[in-house]
Amino acid sequence: MQLEHHVNPRELGPQPVGAPAFFRMADVIRITALSRATVYRRIAEGKFPPPVHLGVRACRWPRAALQQWIEDPERYSNPPESPMA
């Protein structure tokens, strides 16, 4: 995915036709300016959205979750996980 020069890479905005609904790690790093290690550390701390697992080896970040973090990264917190039964 390539953003135009005049587009703020930290602002995802409305989803244009053909834009991805999910983002790969490389996209997350580019959009957020965080390192891979920082992304996973913040996920563990509950301060960054966790990825959605789409398969055995595939995980992606939903557009809406990233946008929520971008809007207020300092106050973002992951919703509590429901206990497994």
N, C-alpha and C. Protein backbone atom coordinates (compact mmCIF):
# COMPACT_ATOMS: atom_id res chain seq x y z
N MET A 1 0.85 -1.17 0.00
CA MET A 1 0.00 0.00 0.00
C MET A 1 0.89 1.23 0.00
N GLN A 2 0.59 2.17 -0.87
CA GLN A 2 1.38 3.38 -0.94
C GLN A 2 0.47 4.58 -0.76
N LEU A 3 0.82 5.43 0.20
CA LEU A 3 0.05 6.63 0.45
C LEU A 3 0.61 7.77 -0.39
N GLU A 4 -0.25 8.69 -0.81
CA GLU A 4 0.20 9.87 -1.54
C GLU A 4 1.03 10.75 -0.63
N HIS A 5 1.91 11.61 -1.18
CA HIS A 5 2.77 12.46 -0.36
C HIS A 5 1.96 13.40 0.53
N HIS A 6 0.86 13.92 0.03
CA HIS A 6 0.09 14.91 0.80
C HIS A 6 -0.80 14.28 1.86
N VAL A 7 -0.88 12.97 1.91
CA VAL A 7 -1.70 12.28 2.89
C VAL A 7 -0.87 12.05 4.15
N ASN A 8 -1.42 12.40 5.29
CA ASN A 8 -0.74 12.15 6.56
C ASN A 8 -0.76 10.64 6.80
N PRO A 9 0.40 9.98 6.87
CA PRO A 9 0.40 8.52 7.04
C PRO A 9 -0.17 8.06 8.37
N ARG A 10 -0.31 8.97 9.34
CA ARG A 10 -0.89 8.59 10.63
C ARG A 10 -2.40 8.76 10.64
N GLU A 11 -2.99 9.23 9.56
CA GLU A 11 -4.44 9.44 9.47
C GLU A 11 -4.96 8.47 8.41
N LEU A 12 -5.67 7.45 8.83
CA LEU A 12 -6.17 6.47 7.88
C LEU A 12 -7.41 6.96 7.15
N GLY A 13 -8.26 7.71 7.83
CA GLY A 13 -9.45 8.30 7.20
C GLY A 13 -10.42 7.24 6.71
N PRO A 14 -11.43 7.68 5.92
CA PRO A 14 -12.40 6.73 5.39
C PRO A 14 -11.72 5.75 4.44
N GLN A 15 -12.27 4.58 4.36
CA GLN A 15 -11.66 3.54 3.56
C GLN A 15 -12.02 3.71 2.09
N PRO A 16 -11.05 4.12 1.25
CA PRO A 16 -11.33 4.23 -0.17
C PRO A 16 -11.48 2.85 -0.80
N VAL A 17 -12.08 2.81 -1.97
CA VAL A 17 -12.27 1.54 -2.67
C VAL A 17 -10.90 0.94 -2.96
N GLY A 18 -10.75 -0.33 -2.65
CA GLY A 18 -9.49 -1.02 -2.88
C GLY A 18 -8.50 -0.91 -1.74
N ALA A 19 -8.80 -0.11 -0.71
CA ALA A 19 -7.90 0.01 0.44
C ALA A 19 -8.04 -1.23 1.31
N PRO A 20 -6.96 -1.64 1.96
CA PRO A 20 -7.04 -2.85 2.77
C PRO A 20 -7.87 -2.67 4.03
N ALA A 21 -8.59 -3.71 4.41
CA ALA A 21 -9.34 -3.70 5.65
C ALA A 21 -8.43 -4.10 6.80
N PHE A 22 -7.34 -4.79 6.47
CA PHE A 22 -6.36 -5.24 7.46
C PHE A 22 -4.97 -4.81 7.00
N PHE A 23 -4.10 -4.54 7.97
CA PHE A 23 -2.75 -4.10 7.66
C PHE A 23 -1.72 -5.10 8.17
N ARG A 24 -0.65 -5.30 7.39
CA ARG A 24 0.47 -6.16 7.78
C ARG A 24 1.38 -5.41 8.74
N MET A 25 2.28 -6.12 9.38
CA MET A 25 3.22 -5.51 10.32
C MET A 25 4.00 -4.38 9.66
N ALA A 26 4.47 -4.57 8.43
CA ALA A 26 5.25 -3.53 7.75
C ALA A 26 4.43 -2.24 7.62
N ASP A 27 3.13 -2.38 7.33
CA ASP A 27 2.26 -1.21 7.23
C ASP A 27 2.08 -0.55 8.59
N VAL A 28 1.90 -1.37 9.62
CA VAL A 28 1.72 -0.84 10.98
C VAL A 28 2.95 -0.05 11.40
N ILE A 29 4.12 -0.57 11.13
CA ILE A 29 5.37 0.12 11.46
C ILE A 29 5.45 1.45 10.73
N ARG A 30 5.11 1.45 9.45
CA ARG A 30 5.17 2.67 8.65
C ARG A 30 4.15 3.70 9.11
N ILE A 31 2.94 3.26 9.39
CA ILE A 31 1.86 4.17 9.78
C ILE A 31 2.09 4.76 11.17
N THR A 32 2.54 3.92 12.11
CA THR A 32 2.66 4.36 13.50
C THR A 32 4.03 4.92 13.85
N ALA A 33 5.04 4.62 13.05
CA ALA A 33 6.44 5.00 13.33
C ALA A 33 6.97 4.31 14.59
N LEU A 34 6.39 3.16 14.93
CA LEU A 34 6.87 2.35 16.05
C LEU A 34 7.69 1.20 15.49
N SER A 35 8.62 0.70 16.26
CA SER A 35 9.37 -0.49 15.84
C SER A 35 8.52 -1.73 16.09
N ARG A 36 8.92 -2.83 15.49
CA ARG A 36 8.23 -4.11 15.69
C ARG A 36 8.22 -4.47 17.18
N ALA A 37 9.37 -4.33 17.83
CA ALA A 37 9.47 -4.67 19.26
C ALA A 37 8.54 -3.78 20.09
N THR A 38 8.47 -2.51 19.76
CA THR A 38 7.61 -1.59 20.51
C THR A 38 6.14 -1.93 20.30
N VAL A 39 5.77 -2.29 19.09
CA VAL A 39 4.38 -2.69 18.83
C VAL A 39 4.01 -3.86 19.73
N TYR A 40 4.84 -4.90 19.76
CA TYR A 40 4.51 -6.08 20.57
C TYR A 40 4.59 -5.79 22.06
N ARG A 41 5.51 -4.94 22.47
CA ARG A 41 5.58 -4.56 23.89
C ARG A 41 4.32 -3.82 24.30
N ARG A 42 3.85 -2.90 23.46
CA ARG A 42 2.63 -2.15 23.78
C ARG A 42 1.40 -3.04 23.75
N ILE A 43 1.38 -4.02 22.88
CA ILE A 43 0.26 -4.98 22.88
C ILE A 43 0.24 -5.71 24.22
N ALA A 44 1.40 -6.16 24.69
CA ALA A 44 1.48 -6.87 25.97
C ALA A 44 1.05 -5.99 27.14
N GLU A 45 1.33 -4.68 27.03
CA GLU A 45 0.95 -3.73 28.08
C GLU A 45 -0.50 -3.28 27.95
N GLY A 46 -1.19 -3.67 26.88
CA GLY A 46 -2.57 -3.25 26.65
C GLY A 46 -2.66 -1.84 26.09
N LYS A 47 -1.57 -1.35 25.47
CA LYS A 47 -1.55 0.01 24.97
C LYS A 47 -1.51 0.10 23.45
N PHE A 48 -1.78 -1.01 22.78
CA PHE A 48 -1.83 -1.04 21.32
C PHE A 48 -2.76 -2.17 20.93
N PRO A 49 -3.53 -2.00 19.85
CA PRO A 49 -4.47 -3.07 19.46
C PRO A 49 -3.75 -4.35 19.06
N PRO A 50 -4.24 -5.47 19.52
CA PRO A 50 -3.64 -6.75 19.13
C PRO A 50 -4.05 -7.11 17.71
N PRO A 51 -3.26 -7.92 17.03
CA PRO A 51 -3.64 -8.33 15.68
C PRO A 51 -4.75 -9.37 15.71
N VAL A 52 -5.41 -9.49 14.58
CA VAL A 52 -6.43 -10.52 14.39
C VAL A 52 -5.74 -11.67 13.67
N HIS A 53 -5.89 -12.87 14.19
CA HIS A 53 -5.26 -14.04 13.57
C HIS A 53 -6.17 -14.56 12.46
N LEU A 54 -5.66 -14.54 11.24
CA LEU A 54 -6.43 -14.94 10.07
C LEU A 54 -6.10 -16.36 9.61
N GLY A 55 -5.12 -16.95 10.22
CA GLY A 55 -4.70 -18.29 9.86
C GLY A 55 -3.59 -18.72 10.80
N VAL A 56 -2.96 -19.83 10.48
CA VAL A 56 -1.90 -20.36 11.33
C VAL A 56 -0.74 -19.38 11.43
N ARG A 57 -0.34 -18.80 10.31
CA ARG A 57 0.81 -17.89 10.30
C ARG A 57 0.46 -16.46 9.89
N ALA A 58 -0.80 -16.17 9.73
CA ALA A 58 -1.19 -14.84 9.25
C ALA A 58 -1.93 -14.07 10.34
N CYS A 59 -1.41 -12.90 10.65
CA CYS A 59 -2.13 -12.01 11.56
C CYS A 59 -2.05 -10.60 10.98
N ARG A 60 -3.12 -9.85 11.14
CA ARG A 60 -3.20 -8.50 10.58
C ARG A 60 -3.91 -7.61 11.58
N TRP A 61 -3.73 -6.31 11.42
CA TRP A 61 -4.39 -5.32 12.27
C TRP A 61 -5.56 -4.71 11.51
N PRO A 62 -6.76 -4.73 12.12
CA PRO A 62 -7.92 -4.12 11.46
C PRO A 62 -7.77 -2.60 11.37
N ARG A 63 -8.25 -2.04 10.28
CA ARG A 63 -8.20 -0.60 10.04
C ARG A 63 -8.82 0.17 11.21
N ALA A 64 -9.98 -0.24 11.68
CA ALA A 64 -10.69 0.49 12.75
C ALA A 64 -9.88 0.51 14.04
N ALA A 65 -9.22 -0.60 14.37
CA ALA A 65 -8.43 -0.66 15.61
C ALA A 65 -7.23 0.28 15.51
N LEU A 66 -6.56 0.30 14.36
CA LEU A 66 -5.42 1.21 14.19
C LEU A 66 -5.87 2.67 14.25
N GLN A 67 -7.01 2.96 13.62
CA GLN A 67 -7.51 4.33 13.64
C GLN A 67 -7.82 4.78 15.06
N GLN A 68 -8.38 3.90 15.85
CA GLN A 68 -8.68 4.22 17.25
C GLN A 68 -7.40 4.56 18.01
N TRP A 69 -6.33 3.79 17.79
CA TRP A 69 -5.05 4.07 18.44
C TRP A 69 -4.46 5.39 17.94
N ILE A 70 -4.53 5.63 16.64
CA ILE A 70 -3.98 6.85 16.05
C ILE A 70 -4.66 8.09 16.62
N GLU A 71 -5.97 8.01 16.83
CA GLU A 71 -6.71 9.17 17.34
C GLU A 71 -6.27 9.58 18.73
N ASP A 72 -5.86 8.63 19.57
CA ASP A 72 -5.41 8.98 20.92
C ASP A 72 -4.49 7.89 21.47
N PRO A 73 -3.23 7.88 21.02
CA PRO A 73 -2.32 6.80 21.44
C PRO A 73 -2.01 6.80 22.93
N GLU A 74 -2.03 7.95 23.57
CA GLU A 74 -1.70 8.02 24.99
C GLU A 74 -2.79 7.41 25.88
N ARG A 75 -4.03 7.52 25.47
CA ARG A 75 -5.14 7.01 26.29
C ARG A 75 -5.69 5.68 25.81
N TYR A 76 -5.14 5.14 24.73
CA TYR A 76 -5.64 3.89 24.20
C TYR A 76 -5.43 2.76 25.20
N SER A 77 -6.42 1.91 25.32
CA SER A 77 -6.25 0.68 26.10
C SER A 77 -7.08 -0.41 25.44
N ASN A 78 -6.52 -1.61 25.42
CA ASN A 78 -7.20 -2.75 24.81
C ASN A 78 -8.44 -3.07 25.64
N PRO A 79 -9.54 -3.42 24.98
CA PRO A 79 -10.69 -3.89 25.75
C PRO A 79 -10.31 -5.17 26.50
N PRO A 80 -10.85 -5.35 27.69
CA PRO A 80 -10.50 -6.57 28.44
C PRO A 80 -10.94 -7.83 27.69
N GLU A 81 -10.10 -8.84 27.75
CA GLU A 81 -10.43 -10.10 27.10
C GLU A 81 -11.38 -10.89 27.97
N SER A 82 -12.29 -11.59 27.33
CA SER A 82 -13.22 -12.42 28.09
C SER A 82 -12.49 -13.69 28.52
N PRO A 83 -12.75 -14.16 29.74
CA PRO A 83 -12.08 -15.39 30.20
C PRO A 83 -12.53 -16.58 29.38
N MET A 84 -11.61 -17.49 29.12
CA MET A 84 -11.96 -18.69 28.36
C MET A 84 -12.70 -19.66 29.26
N ALA A 85 -13.71 -20.25 28.71
CA ALA A 85 -14.51 -21.20 29.48
C ALA A 85 -14.03 -22.60 29.32
